[in-house]
Protein backbone atom coordinates (compact mmCIF):
# COMPACT_ATOMS: atom_id res chain seq x y z
CA MET A 1 -16.19 7.28 10.05
CA ILE A 2 -14.18 5.51 7.37
CA PRO A 3 -16.22 2.82 5.58
CA ALA A 4 -14.81 -0.67 5.74
CA ALA A 5 -12.96 -1.82 2.65
CA PRO A 6 -15.01 -4.25 0.55
CA GLN A 7 -14.02 -7.83 1.20
CA ARG A 8 -12.90 -9.94 -1.72
CA ARG A 9 -15.31 -12.76 -2.43
CA ARG A 10 -14.26 -16.29 -1.64
CA VAL A 11 -12.61 -17.90 -4.65
CA THR A 12 -13.96 -21.26 -5.82
CA ARG A 13 -11.32 -23.19 -7.74
CA VAL A 14 -12.69 -25.12 -10.71
CA ALA A 15 -11.05 -27.70 -12.98
CA VAL A 16 -12.27 -27.36 -16.58
CA GLY A 17 -11.74 -30.00 -19.26
CA VAL A 18 -11.37 -29.09 -22.94
CA LEU A 19 -11.96 -32.48 -24.58
CA ILE A 20 -10.67 -32.30 -28.16
CA ARG A 21 -11.53 -34.97 -30.71
CA GLY A 22 -9.25 -35.83 -33.60
CA ASP A 23 -11.30 -33.60 -35.91
CA GLY A 24 -10.77 -30.59 -33.66
CA CYS A 25 -14.29 -30.53 -32.23
CA VAL A 26 -14.63 -29.91 -28.48
CA LEU A 27 -17.20 -31.18 -26.00
CA LEU A 28 -19.73 -28.83 -24.43
CA ALA A 29 -22.49 -29.62 -21.92
CA ASP A 30 -25.51 -27.61 -20.86
CA ARG A 31 -26.09 -26.93 -17.19
CA PRO A 32 -28.91 -29.01 -15.68
CA VAL A 33 -32.11 -27.62 -14.23
CA GLY A 34 -31.66 -26.52 -10.62
CA LYS A 35 -28.17 -25.07 -11.09
CA PRO A 36 -27.36 -21.38 -11.63
CA TYR A 37 -27.39 -20.56 -15.36
CA ALA A 38 -29.45 -23.68 -16.09
CA GLY A 39 -29.53 -24.36 -19.84
CA TYR A 40 -26.31 -22.45 -20.55
CA TRP A 41 -23.56 -24.35 -22.38
CA GLU A 42 -20.13 -24.77 -20.85
CA PHE A 43 -17.04 -26.97 -20.83
CA PRO A 44 -17.32 -29.96 -18.46
CA GLY A 45 -15.58 -29.92 -15.10
CA GLY A 46 -16.22 -29.01 -11.49
CA LYS A 47 -14.96 -27.80 -8.14
CA ILE A 48 -11.50 -28.67 -6.87
CA GLU A 49 -11.79 -30.05 -3.37
CA PRO A 50 -9.53 -28.75 -0.57
CA GLY A 51 -6.13 -30.41 -0.82
CA GLU A 52 -6.89 -31.83 -4.28
CA ASP A 53 -4.69 -30.98 -7.26
CA VAL A 54 -6.31 -29.86 -10.49
CA ASP A 55 -5.28 -32.95 -12.45
CA ALA A 56 -6.93 -35.30 -9.95
CA ALA A 57 -9.99 -33.06 -9.65
CA LEU A 58 -10.55 -33.05 -13.41
CA GLU A 59 -10.14 -36.80 -13.63
CA ARG A 60 -12.71 -37.27 -10.85
CA GLU A 61 -15.19 -34.74 -12.25
CA LEU A 62 -15.14 -36.15 -15.78
CA ARG A 63 -15.64 -39.67 -14.48
CA GLU A 64 -18.64 -38.48 -12.42
CA GLU A 65 -20.16 -36.26 -15.14
CA LEU A 66 -19.33 -38.16 -18.32
CA GLY A 67 -18.40 -41.70 -17.32
CA ILE A 68 -14.95 -41.53 -18.91
CA ASP A 69 -11.40 -42.05 -17.72
CA ILE A 70 -9.03 -39.45 -19.08
CA GLY A 71 -5.37 -39.74 -19.91
CA ARG A 72 -2.92 -36.99 -19.15
CA SER A 73 -4.42 -33.50 -19.14
CA VAL A 74 -2.33 -30.48 -20.15
CA PRO A 75 -2.54 -27.01 -18.53
CA TRP A 76 -3.85 -24.40 -20.96
CA VAL A 77 -5.10 -21.16 -19.34
CA THR A 78 -6.21 -20.07 -15.86
CA PHE A 79 -8.36 -17.02 -15.24
CA GLU A 80 -10.89 -15.71 -12.73
CA PHE A 81 -14.51 -14.84 -13.44
CA ASP A 82 -17.04 -13.06 -11.27
CA TYR A 83 -20.52 -14.59 -11.52
CA PRO A 84 -23.43 -13.37 -9.37
CA HIS A 85 -23.53 -16.74 -7.60
CA ALA A 86 -19.77 -17.36 -7.28
CA TYR A 87 -16.31 -15.94 -7.88
CA VAL A 88 -14.41 -18.70 -9.66
CA GLU A 89 -10.85 -19.44 -10.69
CA LEU A 90 -11.12 -21.54 -13.84
CA GLN A 91 -8.20 -23.83 -14.54
CA PHE A 92 -8.60 -25.03 -18.13
CA ARG A 93 -6.79 -28.18 -19.25
CA PHE A 94 -6.61 -29.88 -22.64
CA VAL A 95 -7.73 -33.51 -22.77
CA ARG A 96 -6.98 -35.33 -26.01
CA ARG A 97 -7.16 -38.94 -24.86
CA TRP A 98 -9.84 -40.71 -22.86
CA ARG A 99 -11.33 -44.15 -22.37
CA GLY A 100 -15.04 -44.68 -22.81
CA GLN A 101 -17.75 -42.78 -24.65
CA PRO A 102 -18.79 -39.49 -22.99
CA HIS A 103 -22.40 -39.76 -21.86
CA ALA A 104 -24.57 -37.60 -19.63
CA ARG A 105 -24.71 -38.86 -16.04
CA GLU A 106 -26.25 -35.72 -14.49
CA GLY A 107 -29.16 -35.00 -16.83
CA GLN A 108 -27.22 -32.60 -19.04
CA GLN A 109 -27.07 -32.48 -22.83
CA LEU A 110 -23.72 -33.11 -24.53
CA ARG A 111 -22.50 -31.93 -27.89
CA PHE A 112 -19.18 -31.94 -29.75
CA VAL A 113 -18.89 -28.62 -31.57
CA ASP A 114 -16.54 -27.02 -34.07
CA PRO A 115 -15.27 -23.80 -32.41
CA SER A 116 -15.28 -22.12 -35.83
CA GLY A 117 -18.86 -23.15 -36.61
CA ASP A 118 -22.30 -22.59 -35.15
CA LEU A 119 -22.21 -22.83 -31.37
CA PRO A 120 -25.07 -23.79 -29.06
CA GLN A 121 -26.73 -20.91 -27.28
CA PRO A 122 -26.73 -19.49 -24.72
CA LEU A 123 -23.08 -19.89 -23.74
CA LEU A 124 -21.87 -19.52 -20.19
CA PRO A 125 -19.98 -16.18 -20.24
CA ALA A 126 -16.61 -17.64 -19.28
CA ALA A 127 -16.84 -20.20 -22.11
CA SER A 128 -16.94 -17.56 -24.84
CA PRO A 129 -13.29 -16.38 -24.73
CA ALA A 130 -12.04 -19.96 -24.48
CA LEU A 131 -13.96 -20.98 -27.62
CA ARG A 132 -12.52 -18.01 -29.50
CA TRP A 133 -8.98 -18.87 -28.37
CA LEU A 134 -9.40 -22.41 -29.72
CA LEU A 135 -9.39 -20.90 -33.22
CA LEU A 136 -5.72 -20.01 -32.75
CA PRO A 137 -3.34 -22.55 -34.38
CA PRO A 138 -0.90 -24.31 -32.01
CA VAL A 139 2.23 -23.23 -33.93
CA ALA A 140 3.30 -19.67 -34.78
CA LEU A 141 6.12 -19.12 -37.28
CA VAL A 142 7.93 -15.79 -36.87
CA VAL A 143 9.49 -14.72 -40.17
CA GLY A 144 10.90 -11.67 -41.91
CA PRO A 145 9.10 -9.76 -44.67
CA GLN A 146 10.20 -12.36 -47.23
CA GLY A 147 8.00 -14.97 -45.54
CA LEU A 148 9.12 -18.57 -45.12
CA PRO A 149 12.71 -19.23 -46.25
CA ALA A 150 12.67 -21.18 -49.52
CA GLY A 151 14.26 -24.24 -47.95
CA LEU A 152 11.42 -24.49 -45.44
CA ALA A 153 8.43 -23.53 -47.56
CA GLY A 154 8.24 -27.05 -48.91
CA GLY A 155 7.34 -28.47 -45.54
CA LYS A 156 10.55 -28.97 -43.54
CA VAL A 157 8.86 -27.02 -40.78
CA SER A 158 5.39 -28.47 -40.57
CA CYS A 159 2.79 -26.27 -38.98
CA ARG A 160 -0.38 -28.28 -39.34
CA GLY A 161 -3.01 -26.60 -37.20
CA ARG A 162 -6.26 -27.84 -35.79
CA SER A 163 -8.22 -29.57 -38.52
CA ASN A 164 -11.08 -27.08 -38.20
CA GLY A 165 -8.95 -23.94 -38.33
CA ALA A 166 -6.04 -22.28 -40.09
CA ALA A 167 -3.03 -24.34 -41.18
CA GLY A 168 -0.87 -22.22 -38.92
CA MET A 169 0.01 -18.71 -37.86
CA MET A 170 2.73 -16.64 -39.49
CA VAL A 171 3.98 -13.51 -37.74
CA ILE A 172 5.75 -11.27 -40.26
CA ASP A 173 8.21 -9.07 -38.40
CA ALA A 174 9.43 -5.99 -40.29
CA ASP A 175 9.81 -2.23 -40.17
CA TRP A 176 6.56 -1.30 -41.89
CA ARG A 177 7.63 2.33 -42.13
CA THR A 178 10.04 1.31 -44.87
CA ALA A 179 8.86 1.79 -48.45
CA GLY A 180 7.80 -1.43 -50.08
CA GLN A 181 7.27 -3.51 -46.95
CA VAL A 182 3.49 -3.17 -47.03
CA SER A 183 3.55 -4.29 -50.67
CA ALA A 184 5.66 -7.29 -49.63
CA PHE A 185 2.94 -8.22 -47.14
CA ALA A 186 0.32 -8.04 -49.88
CA ALA A 187 2.46 -10.41 -51.97
CA LEU A 188 2.58 -12.87 -49.09
CA ARG A 189 -1.18 -12.64 -48.75
CA ALA A 190 -1.54 -13.61 -52.42
CA ASP A 191 0.99 -16.47 -52.23
CA PRO A 192 -0.79 -19.88 -52.48
CA THR A 193 1.64 -21.43 -49.94
CA THR A 194 0.47 -19.02 -47.22
CA ARG A 195 -3.20 -18.83 -48.11
CA ARG A 196 -4.35 -21.02 -45.22
CA PHE A 197 -2.22 -19.21 -42.65
CA LEU A 198 -3.30 -16.51 -40.27
CA LEU A 199 -0.96 -13.68 -41.29
CA LEU A 200 -0.15 -11.24 -38.49
CA ALA A 201 2.12 -8.22 -38.69
CA SER A 202 4.69 -7.21 -36.08
CA GLY A 203 7.18 -4.37 -35.89
CA PRO A 204 7.33 -0.55 -36.08
CA GLY A 205 4.56 1.06 -38.10
CA VAL A 206 2.34 -2.02 -37.88
CA ARG A 207 -0.81 0.10 -38.20
CA ARG A 208 0.00 0.55 -41.89
CA VAL A 209 -0.66 -3.13 -42.64
CA ASN A 210 -4.39 -3.18 -43.27
CA ALA A 211 -4.42 -6.60 -44.94
CA ALA A 212 -3.22 -8.45 -41.82
CA ASP A 213 -5.36 -10.86 -39.81
CA GLY A 214 -4.06 -9.10 -36.72
CA VAL A 215 -0.97 -7.69 -35.05
CA VAL A 216 1.67 -8.71 -32.53
CA LEU A 217 2.85 -5.70 -30.53
CA GLU A 218 5.71 -4.97 -28.20
CA ALA A 219 4.44 -4.74 -24.64
CA SER A 220 5.60 -1.11 -24.48
CA ALA A 221 3.56 -0.24 -27.60
CA LYS A 222 0.45 -2.26 -26.84
CA ALA A 223 -1.78 0.83 -26.85
CA GLU A 224 -0.70 1.56 -30.43
CA SER A 225 -3.32 -0.76 -31.87
CA ASP A 226 -6.42 -0.48 -29.67
CA ARG A 227 -8.04 -3.07 -31.93
CA GLU A 228 -7.95 -0.79 -34.96
CA HIS A 229 -7.38 -3.85 -37.14
CA GLY A 230 -10.39 -5.70 -35.76
CA GLY A 231 -8.44 -8.96 -35.88
CA TRP A 232 -6.22 -10.95 -33.54
CA ARG A 233 -3.99 -9.05 -31.16
CA GLY A 234 -0.91 -10.62 -29.62
CA VAL A 235 1.87 -9.20 -27.47
CA TRP A 236 5.55 -10.06 -27.02
CA VAL A 237 6.18 -10.51 -23.28
CA GLY A 238 9.34 -11.14 -21.32
CA CYS A 239 8.35 -10.62 -17.69
CA VAL A 240 5.44 -10.96 -15.29
CA ALA A 241 4.58 -7.24 -15.42
CA GLU A 242 4.27 -7.32 -19.22
CA LEU A 243 2.15 -10.46 -19.03
CA GLU A 244 -0.21 -8.88 -16.51
CA ALA A 245 -0.55 -5.77 -18.67
CA ALA A 246 -1.36 -7.91 -21.72
CA SER A 247 -3.95 -9.87 -19.76
CA LYS A 248 -5.70 -6.71 -18.58
CA GLY A 249 -5.44 -5.00 -21.96
CA GLY A 250 -7.82 -7.21 -23.92
CA CYS A 251 -5.16 -9.10 -25.86
CA ASP A 252 -5.86 -12.51 -27.40
CA PHE A 253 -2.51 -14.26 -26.84
CA VAL A 254 1.12 -13.74 -25.86
CA LEU A 255 4.44 -14.92 -27.27
CA ILE A 256 6.85 -15.65 -24.43
CA ARG A 257 10.42 -14.45 -24.93
CA SER A 258 11.85 -15.24 -21.50
CA ALA A 259 12.89 -18.77 -20.52
CA ALA A 260 12.36 -17.88 -16.86
CA LEU A 261 8.81 -16.70 -17.51
CA ALA A 262 8.13 -19.81 -19.60
CA GLU A 263 9.15 -22.04 -16.69
CA ARG A 264 6.91 -20.06 -14.34
CA LEU A 265 3.93 -20.44 -16.68
CA LYS A 266 4.41 -24.18 -16.97
CA ALA A 267 3.64 -24.37 -13.25
CA ARG A 268 0.79 -21.86 -13.35
CA PRO A 269 -0.66 -21.03 -16.79
CA ALA A 270 -1.27 -17.51 -18.03
CA SER A 271 -4.78 -16.08 -18.15
CA LEU A 272 -4.71 -16.10 -21.96
CA PRO A 273 -3.11 -18.41 -24.54
CA ALA A 274 0.70 -18.45 -24.36
CA TYR A 275 3.16 -19.61 -27.02
CA PHE A 276 6.58 -20.84 -25.86
CA LEU A 277 9.76 -20.54 -27.92
CA SER A 278 10.92 -23.71 -29.66
CA ASP A 279 13.33 -24.44 -32.49
CA THR A 280 12.75 -25.75 -36.01
CA SER A 281 12.66 -29.32 -34.69
CA CYS A 282 9.30 -28.59 -33.07
CA ASP A 283 6.98 -31.42 -34.06
CA PRO A 284 3.37 -30.20 -34.32
CA GLU A 285 2.18 -33.72 -33.59
CA GLY A 286 3.65 -33.29 -30.12
CA VAL A 287 2.63 -29.69 -29.52
CA GLY A 288 -0.56 -30.95 -27.90
CA ASP A 289 1.54 -32.12 -24.95
CA TRP A 290 3.03 -28.67 -24.38
CA PRO A 291 1.63 -26.54 -21.55
CA GLY A 292 0.01 -23.34 -22.72
CA HIS A 293 -1.33 -22.99 -26.24
CA GLY A 294 1.66 -24.16 -28.26
CA CYS A 295 5.02 -22.98 -29.54
CA TRP A 296 6.52 -20.23 -31.66
CA ILE A 297 9.50 -20.80 -33.93
CA ASP A 298 11.90 -18.00 -34.85
CA LEU A 299 12.79 -18.22 -38.56
CA ARG A 300 13.90 -14.61 -39.02
CA SER A 301 17.59 -15.51 -39.10
CA VAL A 302 17.31 -18.70 -41.15
CA THR A 303 19.41 -18.24 -44.26
CA GLU A 304 18.32 -19.25 -47.73
CA PRO A 305 19.94 -22.50 -48.93
CA ALA A 306 22.67 -22.19 -51.55
CA ASN A 307 21.66 -23.09 -55.12
């Protein structure tokens, strides 16, 4: 007799609000007594009712839980998590504007926390990756081994990050097998203009760059790193299959190359932070209204200005 195939558990869809203050702190709440994981800290939100869209569900839940009315919420990430009491699909959305002062209406504790600082414990398991991802800046500049072109280093491309994190992310794309490139990276690391950036290396031979804050790999070479650097790990993706492989492979974020994939993810976010391609007119003040995590700007072909 052939045993019956295990049935997939019923999926409970949940709208999750990431309320971000102007100083970059985010709101967490502990789960009240009587609920599973009572006392664990999580992002506010709740179940999406049948026929309800996630935007409306989040607006309703935050009014019921916190007594606030939110402005527009922005899709960030969506992933599934298997708890003993429920299998949930968590649809995270950024909320940067709201009316009213958040206050506990269901007996929970509330606290605005700096994701880079001390966090309340214990954390609900699904909250942990989201809090780590919030340390990623919203703008990634992709440059050659020379770093920012001289005409832009003075601020023509602003990349102000979250006030509690790095000023921005710089992805240095080079062939690290070439003599002198690793030394060029070390010079960038010592440059005062890049000191507050996360500096990530990308390109062939990336394992040679020990001073990097992480790596960005081609999807076909993702296994090359296996977290040897111990830092951030991103992946270039251009199709759904590459995105799914990155999501399953323990990566921290993806940089989207394909316009078609970008449009798809605007309707249904990726399961990890996604950066969408922009141009040098990208205004970081408006990045918060982008779906996904933010944008990446390709500066590899920007020429130096004439003297």
